[in-house]
Amino acid sequence: MWPSERPVALLYCADPATVRFLAASGIVERRRVALVVPGRRQPPSALLAALEADPALPVLVLHHADAAGCLEAPRLRAGLPPGTRVVDAGLRPRVAERAGPPVRLLPEPVLLAELARAGSVDAYERSWLAQGNSLPLAAVRPARLLQAVERAVSRLDPEQERAAAFGFMAWPEPAR
């Protein structure tokens, strides 16, 4: 799902239901974000083609709060061309812990060891995951998930985020 204009970012998410939700939300055109669902154990050709055409495009990674999900950003970073900006957009274990009751699913020890080596989560988050805690993206309220993705996109452009903080270029929605 690609915007009609040049995208400002690529959003990589392994959960097809989340990608469908984001597409239905209108974020593709509203924020010019291209949505990408990964292929089997490698970045999809659409992602690689987009980065070949525009190597400066950042890649946002949206994932479940589980050991495998927390490894998606570092694994993707390793498989993309050097210099590609890969941003972990969550779901972070620390945020998932506050979002609701966790789903209990013990991770494989090899994943926890890889997480420790990758440094993508801190010791507290690894401990939370090691206790069998996890949270799928589907457990996050849709409005909150969309807000988090919108925030991640706006953080890609610090000037735009700073202007928004001051209310610059922010008009009220027209009455309908």
N, C-alpha and C. Protein backbone atom coordinates (compact mmCIF):
# COMPACT_ATOMS: atom_id res chain seq x y z
N MET A 1 0.83 -1.15 0.00
CA MET A 1 0.00 0.00 0.00
C MET A 1 0.89 1.24 0.00
N TRP A 2 0.87 1.93 -1.12
CA TRP A 2 1.77 3.05 -1.32
C TRP A 2 0.97 4.34 -1.52
N PRO A 3 1.47 5.45 -1.00
CA PRO A 3 0.79 6.73 -1.22
C PRO A 3 0.94 7.16 -2.67
N SER A 4 0.06 8.04 -3.11
CA SER A 4 0.12 8.50 -4.49
C SER A 4 1.34 9.41 -4.72
N GLU A 5 1.81 10.09 -3.67
CA GLU A 5 3.03 10.90 -3.76
C GLU A 5 4.20 10.10 -3.20
N ARG A 6 5.41 10.66 -3.35
CA ARG A 6 6.60 10.01 -2.81
C ARG A 6 6.42 9.80 -1.31
N PRO A 7 6.66 8.58 -0.81
CA PRO A 7 6.49 8.35 0.63
C PRO A 7 7.57 9.07 1.44
N VAL A 8 7.22 9.43 2.68
CA VAL A 8 8.20 10.02 3.59
C VAL A 8 8.83 8.94 4.45
N ALA A 9 8.18 7.76 4.49
CA ALA A 9 8.69 6.66 5.29
C ALA A 9 8.06 5.35 4.81
N LEU A 10 8.73 4.27 5.15
CA LEU A 10 8.20 2.93 4.93
C LEU A 10 7.85 2.36 6.29
N LEU A 11 6.68 1.78 6.43
CA LEU A 11 6.30 1.16 7.70
C LEU A 11 6.25 -0.34 7.48
N TYR A 12 7.11 -1.04 8.18
CA TYR A 12 7.27 -2.49 8.05
C TYR A 12 6.60 -3.15 9.23
N CYS A 13 5.60 -4.00 8.97
CA CYS A 13 4.88 -4.67 10.05
C CYS A 13 4.54 -6.09 9.62
N ALA A 14 4.88 -7.07 10.46
CA ALA A 14 4.66 -8.48 10.13
C ALA A 14 3.22 -8.93 10.38
N ASP A 15 2.41 -8.08 11.00
CA ASP A 15 1.03 -8.47 11.32
C ASP A 15 0.08 -7.94 10.24
N PRO A 16 -0.40 -8.82 9.36
CA PRO A 16 -1.27 -8.37 8.27
C PRO A 16 -2.54 -7.65 8.74
N ALA A 17 -3.11 -8.06 9.87
CA ALA A 17 -4.31 -7.39 10.38
C ALA A 17 -4.01 -5.94 10.76
N THR A 18 -2.86 -5.71 11.37
CA THR A 18 -2.47 -4.35 11.74
C THR A 18 -2.24 -3.52 10.48
N VAL A 19 -1.62 -4.10 9.48
CA VAL A 19 -1.38 -3.38 8.23
C VAL A 19 -2.71 -3.01 7.57
N ARG A 20 -3.67 -3.94 7.58
CA ARG A 20 -4.99 -3.63 7.01
C ARG A 20 -5.67 -2.51 7.78
N PHE A 21 -5.57 -2.55 9.12
CA PHE A 21 -6.15 -1.50 9.94
C PHE A 21 -5.52 -0.15 9.60
N LEU A 22 -4.19 -0.10 9.53
CA LEU A 22 -3.52 1.16 9.22
C LEU A 22 -3.91 1.67 7.84
N ALA A 23 -4.03 0.77 6.88
CA ALA A 23 -4.45 1.18 5.54
C ALA A 23 -5.86 1.77 5.57
N ALA A 24 -6.76 1.12 6.31
CA ALA A 24 -8.14 1.60 6.41
C ALA A 24 -8.22 2.94 7.14
N SER A 25 -7.25 3.22 8.00
CA SER A 25 -7.25 4.47 8.77
C SER A 25 -6.94 5.69 7.90
N GLY A 26 -6.38 5.45 6.71
CA GLY A 26 -6.04 6.55 5.82
C GLY A 26 -4.64 7.11 6.02
N ILE A 27 -3.85 6.45 6.83
CA ILE A 27 -2.50 6.96 7.13
C ILE A 27 -1.60 6.97 5.89
N VAL A 28 -1.88 6.08 4.96
CA VAL A 28 -1.03 6.00 3.77
C VAL A 28 -1.02 7.33 3.03
N GLU A 29 -2.18 7.88 2.74
CA GLU A 29 -2.26 9.16 2.03
C GLU A 29 -2.07 10.35 2.95
N ARG A 30 -2.64 10.27 4.15
CA ARG A 30 -2.58 11.41 5.08
C ARG A 30 -1.14 11.73 5.50
N ARG A 31 -0.35 10.70 5.77
CA ARG A 31 1.02 10.90 6.24
C ARG A 31 2.08 10.46 5.22
N ARG A 32 1.62 10.02 4.05
CA ARG A 32 2.51 9.54 2.97
C ARG A 32 3.46 8.45 3.47
N VAL A 33 2.86 7.43 4.09
CA VAL A 33 3.60 6.29 4.61
C VAL A 33 3.27 5.07 3.76
N ALA A 34 4.29 4.39 3.26
CA ALA A 34 4.08 3.15 2.51
C ALA A 34 4.08 2.00 3.51
N LEU A 35 3.07 1.15 3.42
CA LEU A 35 2.94 0.01 4.33
C LEU A 35 3.52 -1.23 3.67
N VAL A 36 4.39 -1.93 4.40
CA VAL A 36 5.08 -3.09 3.85
C VAL A 36 4.92 -4.27 4.79
N VAL A 37 4.48 -5.41 4.26
CA VAL A 37 4.38 -6.65 5.03
C VAL A 37 5.56 -7.52 4.60
N PRO A 38 6.32 -8.06 5.56
CA PRO A 38 7.51 -8.83 5.20
C PRO A 38 7.20 -10.15 4.50
N GLY A 39 8.20 -10.59 3.75
CA GLY A 39 8.13 -11.91 3.13
C GLY A 39 8.72 -12.94 4.08
N ARG A 40 8.93 -14.11 3.61
CA ARG A 40 9.48 -15.19 4.42
C ARG A 40 10.96 -14.96 4.73
N ARG A 41 11.27 -14.65 5.99
CA ARG A 41 12.63 -14.55 6.50
C ARG A 41 13.56 -13.59 5.74
N GLN A 42 12.99 -12.67 4.98
CA GLN A 42 13.82 -11.68 4.31
C GLN A 42 12.97 -10.44 4.02
N PRO A 43 13.61 -9.30 3.90
CA PRO A 43 12.83 -8.12 3.57
C PRO A 43 12.14 -8.31 2.22
N PRO A 44 10.90 -7.82 2.10
CA PRO A 44 10.20 -7.98 0.83
C PRO A 44 10.85 -7.15 -0.28
N SER A 45 10.68 -7.61 -1.48
CA SER A 45 11.29 -6.93 -2.63
C SER A 45 10.78 -5.49 -2.76
N ALA A 46 9.54 -5.22 -2.36
CA ALA A 46 9.00 -3.86 -2.44
C ALA A 46 9.80 -2.92 -1.53
N LEU A 47 10.19 -3.40 -0.36
CA LEU A 47 10.98 -2.60 0.57
C LEU A 47 12.36 -2.32 -0.02
N LEU A 48 13.00 -3.35 -0.54
CA LEU A 48 14.33 -3.18 -1.13
C LEU A 48 14.28 -2.28 -2.35
N ALA A 49 13.24 -2.42 -3.18
CA ALA A 49 13.10 -1.57 -4.37
C ALA A 49 12.91 -0.11 -3.97
N ALA A 50 12.09 0.12 -2.96
CA ALA A 50 11.85 1.50 -2.50
C ALA A 50 13.15 2.11 -1.97
N LEU A 51 13.92 1.33 -1.23
CA LEU A 51 15.19 1.84 -0.69
C LEU A 51 16.23 2.03 -1.78
N GLU A 52 16.16 1.22 -2.82
CA GLU A 52 17.08 1.41 -3.95
C GLU A 52 16.76 2.70 -4.67
N ALA A 53 15.46 2.99 -4.82
CA ALA A 53 15.04 4.22 -5.48
C ALA A 53 15.32 5.45 -4.62
N ASP A 54 15.19 5.31 -3.30
CA ASP A 54 15.42 6.43 -2.39
C ASP A 54 16.05 5.91 -1.10
N PRO A 55 17.38 5.80 -1.06
CA PRO A 55 18.06 5.25 0.12
C PRO A 55 17.86 6.07 1.40
N ALA A 56 17.39 7.30 1.28
CA ALA A 56 17.20 8.14 2.46
C ALA A 56 15.88 7.86 3.18
N LEU A 57 15.01 7.03 2.58
CA LEU A 57 13.73 6.74 3.22
C LEU A 57 13.95 5.98 4.53
N PRO A 58 13.39 6.47 5.62
CA PRO A 58 13.49 5.72 6.88
C PRO A 58 12.49 4.57 6.89
N VAL A 59 12.83 3.54 7.63
CA VAL A 59 11.97 2.37 7.77
C VAL A 59 11.52 2.29 9.23
N LEU A 60 10.21 2.42 9.45
CA LEU A 60 9.64 2.25 10.79
C LEU A 60 9.26 0.79 10.94
N VAL A 61 9.59 0.19 12.06
CA VAL A 61 9.26 -1.22 12.31
C VAL A 61 8.24 -1.26 13.45
N LEU A 62 7.06 -1.79 13.15
CA LEU A 62 5.98 -1.93 14.13
C LEU A 62 5.84 -3.42 14.41
N HIS A 63 5.86 -3.81 15.71
CA HIS A 63 5.89 -5.24 16.04
C HIS A 63 5.17 -5.53 17.35
N HIS A 64 4.91 -6.81 17.57
CA HIS A 64 4.33 -7.27 18.83
C HIS A 64 5.35 -7.09 19.95
N ALA A 65 4.86 -7.00 21.19
CA ALA A 65 5.75 -6.94 22.35
C ALA A 65 6.02 -8.37 22.80
N ASP A 66 6.85 -9.04 22.05
CA ASP A 66 7.32 -10.37 22.41
C ASP A 66 8.77 -10.47 21.96
N ALA A 67 9.44 -11.54 22.33
CA ALA A 67 10.87 -11.66 22.02
C ALA A 67 11.13 -11.60 20.52
N ALA A 68 10.35 -12.31 19.73
CA ALA A 68 10.55 -12.30 18.28
C ALA A 68 10.28 -10.91 17.70
N GLY A 69 9.23 -10.26 18.18
CA GLY A 69 8.89 -8.92 17.69
C GLY A 69 9.99 -7.92 17.99
N CYS A 70 10.53 -7.98 19.18
CA CYS A 70 11.58 -7.04 19.58
C CYS A 70 12.88 -7.25 18.80
N LEU A 71 12.99 -8.39 18.13
CA LEU A 71 14.17 -8.66 17.30
C LEU A 71 13.97 -8.21 15.85
N GLU A 72 12.76 -7.83 15.48
CA GLU A 72 12.50 -7.48 14.08
C GLU A 72 13.34 -6.31 13.60
N ALA A 73 13.43 -5.24 14.38
CA ALA A 73 14.20 -4.07 13.94
C ALA A 73 15.68 -4.39 13.77
N PRO A 74 16.34 -5.02 14.76
CA PRO A 74 17.76 -5.32 14.55
C PRO A 74 18.01 -6.31 13.41
N ARG A 75 17.13 -7.28 13.27
CA ARG A 75 17.29 -8.24 12.17
C ARG A 75 17.10 -7.56 10.82
N LEU A 76 16.10 -6.69 10.73
CA LEU A 76 15.85 -5.97 9.48
C LEU A 76 17.04 -5.06 9.16
N ARG A 77 17.53 -4.35 10.16
CA ARG A 77 18.67 -3.45 9.99
C ARG A 77 19.86 -4.22 9.40
N ALA A 78 20.07 -5.43 9.89
CA ALA A 78 21.20 -6.24 9.41
C ALA A 78 21.01 -6.70 7.96
N GLY A 79 19.75 -6.82 7.51
CA GLY A 79 19.49 -7.30 6.16
C GLY A 79 19.30 -6.22 5.12
N LEU A 80 19.35 -4.95 5.52
CA LEU A 80 19.15 -3.84 4.59
C LEU A 80 20.49 -3.20 4.24
N PRO A 81 20.50 -2.40 3.19
CA PRO A 81 21.76 -1.74 2.82
C PRO A 81 22.32 -0.90 3.97
N PRO A 82 23.64 -0.87 4.11
CA PRO A 82 24.25 -0.07 5.18
C PRO A 82 23.79 1.39 5.09
N GLY A 83 23.56 1.98 6.25
CA GLY A 83 23.14 3.38 6.29
C GLY A 83 21.64 3.58 6.28
N THR A 84 20.89 2.50 6.06
CA THR A 84 19.43 2.63 6.08
C THR A 84 18.99 2.95 7.50
N ARG A 85 18.16 3.97 7.62
CA ARG A 85 17.65 4.37 8.94
C ARG A 85 16.46 3.47 9.31
N VAL A 86 16.66 2.63 10.30
CA VAL A 86 15.62 1.71 10.78
C VAL A 86 15.23 2.17 12.18
N VAL A 87 13.93 2.47 12.35
CA VAL A 87 13.43 2.99 13.62
C VAL A 87 12.45 1.99 14.23
N ASP A 88 12.73 1.58 15.46
CA ASP A 88 11.83 0.67 16.17
C ASP A 88 10.65 1.51 16.67
N ALA A 89 9.47 1.32 16.07
CA ALA A 89 8.28 2.09 16.43
C ALA A 89 7.44 1.36 17.47
N GLY A 90 7.91 0.24 17.99
CA GLY A 90 7.19 -0.48 19.06
C GLY A 90 6.37 -1.61 18.48
N LEU A 91 5.85 -2.32 19.30
CA LEU A 91 5.38 -2.16 20.65
C LEU A 91 6.48 -2.60 21.62
N ARG A 92 6.95 -1.67 22.42
CA ARG A 92 8.00 -1.95 23.39
C ARG A 92 7.41 -2.69 24.59
N PRO A 93 8.16 -3.61 25.20
CA PRO A 93 7.67 -4.30 26.39
C PRO A 93 7.28 -3.35 27.53
N ARG A 94 8.04 -2.29 27.72
CA ARG A 94 7.75 -1.34 28.80
C ARG A 94 6.39 -0.68 28.58
N VAL A 95 6.05 -0.38 27.34
CA VAL A 95 4.75 0.21 27.02
C VAL A 95 3.66 -0.85 27.13
N ALA A 96 3.94 -2.05 26.66
CA ALA A 96 2.97 -3.15 26.70
C ALA A 96 2.58 -3.49 28.13
N GLU A 97 3.54 -3.37 29.04
CA GLU A 97 3.30 -3.67 30.44
C GLU A 97 2.18 -2.78 31.01
N ARG A 98 2.13 -1.54 30.54
CA ARG A 98 1.12 -0.60 31.02
C ARG A 98 -0.17 -0.66 30.20
N ALA A 99 -0.15 -1.31 29.05
CA ALA A 99 -1.29 -1.30 28.14
C ALA A 99 -2.40 -2.27 28.53
N GLY A 100 -2.09 -3.23 29.34
CA GLY A 100 -3.12 -4.18 29.71
C GLY A 100 -2.52 -5.47 30.18
N PRO A 101 -3.37 -6.41 30.54
CA PRO A 101 -2.84 -7.69 31.01
C PRO A 101 -2.09 -8.40 29.88
N PRO A 102 -0.92 -8.94 30.21
CA PRO A 102 -0.12 -9.58 29.17
C PRO A 102 -0.67 -10.95 28.78
N VAL A 103 -0.27 -11.37 27.61
CA VAL A 103 -0.51 -12.73 27.16
C VAL A 103 0.69 -13.52 27.64
N ARG A 104 0.46 -14.69 28.24
CA ARG A 104 1.56 -15.49 28.79
C ARG A 104 2.05 -16.47 27.74
N LEU A 105 3.29 -16.29 27.36
CA LEU A 105 3.91 -17.14 26.35
C LEU A 105 5.42 -17.12 26.57
N LEU A 106 5.96 -18.22 27.08
CA LEU A 106 7.41 -18.25 27.35
C LEU A 106 8.20 -18.20 26.04
N PRO A 107 9.15 -17.28 25.95
CA PRO A 107 9.97 -17.19 24.74
C PRO A 107 11.06 -18.26 24.74
N GLU A 108 11.53 -18.56 23.59
CA GLU A 108 12.64 -19.49 23.47
C GLU A 108 13.90 -18.83 24.03
N PRO A 109 14.68 -19.56 24.81
CA PRO A 109 15.91 -18.97 25.39
C PRO A 109 16.86 -18.40 24.34
N VAL A 110 16.89 -18.99 23.16
CA VAL A 110 17.77 -18.49 22.11
C VAL A 110 17.37 -17.08 21.68
N LEU A 111 16.07 -16.79 21.71
CA LEU A 111 15.61 -15.45 21.36
C LEU A 111 16.03 -14.44 22.42
N LEU A 112 15.92 -14.82 23.69
CA LEU A 112 16.34 -13.92 24.77
C LEU A 112 17.85 -13.63 24.69
N ALA A 113 18.63 -14.65 24.35
CA ALA A 113 20.07 -14.45 24.21
C ALA A 113 20.36 -13.51 23.04
N GLU A 114 19.63 -13.68 21.94
CA GLU A 114 19.82 -12.79 20.78
C GLU A 114 19.41 -11.36 21.13
N LEU A 115 18.34 -11.21 21.91
CA LEU A 115 17.92 -9.88 22.36
C LEU A 115 19.01 -9.21 23.19
N ALA A 116 19.64 -9.97 24.06
CA ALA A 116 20.72 -9.42 24.89
C ALA A 116 21.88 -8.96 24.02
N ARG A 117 22.23 -9.76 23.01
CA ARG A 117 23.32 -9.38 22.11
C ARG A 117 22.96 -8.18 21.26
N ALA A 118 21.71 -8.12 20.78
CA ALA A 118 21.28 -7.04 19.89
C ALA A 118 21.17 -5.71 20.62
N GLY A 119 20.87 -5.77 21.90
CA GLY A 119 20.73 -4.53 22.67
C GLY A 119 19.47 -3.75 22.32
N SER A 120 18.49 -4.41 21.72
CA SER A 120 17.28 -3.70 21.30
C SER A 120 16.29 -3.47 22.43
N VAL A 121 16.45 -4.20 23.53
CA VAL A 121 15.65 -3.96 24.73
C VAL A 121 16.59 -3.95 25.93
N ASP A 122 16.20 -3.24 26.97
CA ASP A 122 17.05 -3.17 28.15
C ASP A 122 16.82 -4.40 29.05
N ALA A 123 17.59 -4.49 30.12
CA ALA A 123 17.52 -5.66 31.02
C ALA A 123 16.14 -5.81 31.63
N TYR A 124 15.50 -4.71 31.99
CA TYR A 124 14.16 -4.78 32.58
C TYR A 124 13.17 -5.38 31.58
N GLU A 125 13.23 -4.92 30.33
CA GLU A 125 12.31 -5.44 29.31
C GLU A 125 12.60 -6.91 29.00
N ARG A 126 13.87 -7.29 28.96
CA ARG A 126 14.21 -8.71 28.75
C ARG A 126 13.67 -9.56 29.88
N SER A 127 13.76 -9.07 31.10
CA SER A 127 13.23 -9.79 32.25
C SER A 127 11.71 -9.96 32.14
N TRP A 128 11.02 -8.90 31.73
CA TRP A 128 9.56 -8.95 31.54
C TRP A 128 9.21 -10.02 30.51
N LEU A 129 9.94 -10.04 29.41
CA LEU A 129 9.71 -11.04 28.36
C LEU A 129 10.06 -12.44 28.85
N ALA A 130 11.16 -12.59 29.58
CA ALA A 130 11.60 -13.90 30.07
C ALA A 130 10.58 -14.52 31.03
N GLN A 131 9.79 -13.69 31.69
CA GLN A 131 8.75 -14.19 32.59
C GLN A 131 7.53 -14.70 31.82
N GLY A 132 7.61 -14.65 30.50
CA GLY A 132 6.50 -15.15 29.68
C GLY A 132 5.47 -14.10 29.33
N ASN A 133 5.79 -12.84 29.56
CA ASN A 133 4.87 -11.76 29.23
C ASN A 133 5.03 -11.37 27.76
N SER A 134 3.93 -11.08 27.12
CA SER A 134 3.94 -10.56 25.75
C SER A 134 2.61 -9.86 25.51
N LEU A 135 2.55 -9.09 24.44
CA LEU A 135 1.30 -8.42 24.08
C LEU A 135 1.28 -8.24 22.57
N PRO A 136 0.27 -8.80 21.91
CA PRO A 136 0.18 -8.61 20.46
C PRO A 136 -0.35 -7.21 20.14
N LEU A 137 -0.05 -6.74 18.95
CA LEU A 137 -0.56 -5.44 18.51
C LEU A 137 -2.08 -5.38 18.56
N ALA A 138 -2.74 -6.51 18.32
CA ALA A 138 -4.20 -6.54 18.32
C ALA A 138 -4.79 -6.22 19.69
N ALA A 139 -3.99 -6.31 20.75
CA ALA A 139 -4.48 -6.02 22.10
C ALA A 139 -4.45 -4.52 22.42
N VAL A 140 -3.84 -3.74 21.55
CA VAL A 140 -3.76 -2.30 21.76
C VAL A 140 -5.00 -1.65 21.15
N ARG A 141 -5.59 -0.72 21.90
CA ARG A 141 -6.76 -0.02 21.37
C ARG A 141 -6.40 0.62 20.03
N PRO A 142 -7.27 0.50 19.03
CA PRO A 142 -6.95 1.04 17.70
C PRO A 142 -6.56 2.51 17.70
N ALA A 143 -7.28 3.34 18.45
CA ALA A 143 -6.94 4.78 18.48
C ALA A 143 -5.54 4.99 19.04
N ARG A 144 -5.19 4.23 20.04
CA ARG A 144 -3.86 4.36 20.66
C ARG A 144 -2.76 3.88 19.71
N LEU A 145 -3.03 2.80 19.00
CA LEU A 145 -2.05 2.29 18.03
C LEU A 145 -1.83 3.30 16.92
N LEU A 146 -2.91 3.84 16.40
CA LEU A 146 -2.80 4.84 15.33
C LEU A 146 -2.05 6.07 15.82
N GLN A 147 -2.34 6.51 17.03
CA GLN A 147 -1.66 7.66 17.60
C GLN A 147 -0.15 7.40 17.73
N ALA A 148 0.22 6.20 18.14
CA ALA A 148 1.63 5.85 18.27
C ALA A 148 2.34 5.86 16.92
N VAL A 149 1.67 5.35 15.89
CA VAL A 149 2.27 5.35 14.55
C VAL A 149 2.40 6.79 14.05
N GLU A 150 1.36 7.60 14.25
CA GLU A 150 1.41 9.01 13.83
C GLU A 150 2.58 9.72 14.53
N ARG A 151 2.75 9.47 15.81
CA ARG A 151 3.84 10.09 16.58
C ARG A 151 5.19 9.64 16.03
N ALA A 152 5.33 8.36 15.71
CA ALA A 152 6.59 7.85 15.17
C ALA A 152 6.91 8.50 13.83
N VAL A 153 5.90 8.70 12.99
CA VAL A 153 6.12 9.35 11.69
C VAL A 153 6.53 10.80 11.89
N SER A 154 5.86 11.50 12.80
CA SER A 154 6.20 12.92 12.99
C SER A 154 7.59 13.08 13.60
N ARG A 155 8.07 12.11 14.35
CA ARG A 155 9.42 12.19 14.93
C ARG A 155 10.51 12.04 13.88
N LEU A 156 10.15 11.57 12.71
CA LEU A 156 11.14 11.44 11.64
C LEU A 156 11.62 12.81 11.17
N ASP A 157 10.77 13.82 11.33
CA ASP A 157 11.11 15.18 10.93
C ASP A 157 11.09 16.07 12.17
N PRO A 158 12.24 16.29 12.81
CA PRO A 158 12.27 17.05 14.05
C PRO A 158 11.73 18.47 13.90
N GLU A 159 11.93 19.09 12.74
CA GLU A 159 11.42 20.45 12.52
C GLU A 159 9.90 20.47 12.56
N GLN A 160 9.28 19.49 11.93
CA GLN A 160 7.82 19.41 11.91
C GLN A 160 7.29 19.16 13.33
N GLU A 161 7.97 18.30 14.07
CA GLU A 161 7.53 18.00 15.43
C GLU A 161 7.65 19.24 16.32
N ARG A 162 8.73 19.99 16.17
CA ARG A 162 8.91 21.19 16.96
C ARG A 162 7.85 22.23 16.61
N ALA A 163 7.53 22.38 15.33
CA ALA A 163 6.50 23.33 14.92
C ALA A 163 5.14 22.92 15.47
N ALA A 164 4.84 21.64 15.45
CA ALA A 164 3.56 21.15 15.98
C ALA A 164 3.45 21.39 17.48
N ALA A 165 4.58 21.28 18.19
CA ALA A 165 4.56 21.51 19.63
C ALA A 165 4.17 22.95 19.96
N PHE A 166 4.50 23.88 19.05
CA PHE A 166 4.13 25.28 19.26
C PHE A 166 2.75 25.60 18.67
N GLY A 167 2.14 24.64 17.98
CA GLY A 167 0.84 24.89 17.37
C GLY A 167 0.94 25.55 16.01
N PHE A 168 2.16 25.66 15.48
CA PHE A 168 2.35 26.28 14.18
C PHE A 168 1.74 25.40 13.09
N MET A 169 1.00 26.00 12.22
CA MET A 169 0.35 25.31 11.09
C MET A 169 -0.71 24.32 11.58
N ALA A 170 -1.30 24.55 12.73
CA ALA A 170 -2.32 23.66 13.26
C ALA A 170 -3.65 24.41 13.31
N TRP A 171 -4.50 24.15 12.35
CA TRP A 171 -5.80 24.79 12.32
C TRP A 171 -6.85 23.83 12.83
N PRO A 172 -7.91 24.36 13.40
CA PRO A 172 -8.98 23.45 13.82
C PRO A 172 -9.63 22.80 12.60
N GLU A 173 -10.18 21.62 12.83
CA GLU A 173 -10.88 20.93 11.76
C GLU A 173 -12.13 21.73 11.38
N PRO A 174 -12.46 21.81 10.08
CA PRO A 174 -13.67 22.54 9.68
C PRO A 174 -14.92 21.84 10.19
N ALA A 175 -15.94 22.61 10.48
CA ALA A 175 -17.22 22.03 10.94
C ALA A 175 -17.85 21.29 9.78
N ARG A 176 -18.50 20.21 10.12
CA ARG A 176 -19.13 19.40 9.06
C ARG A 176 -20.61 19.46 9.16
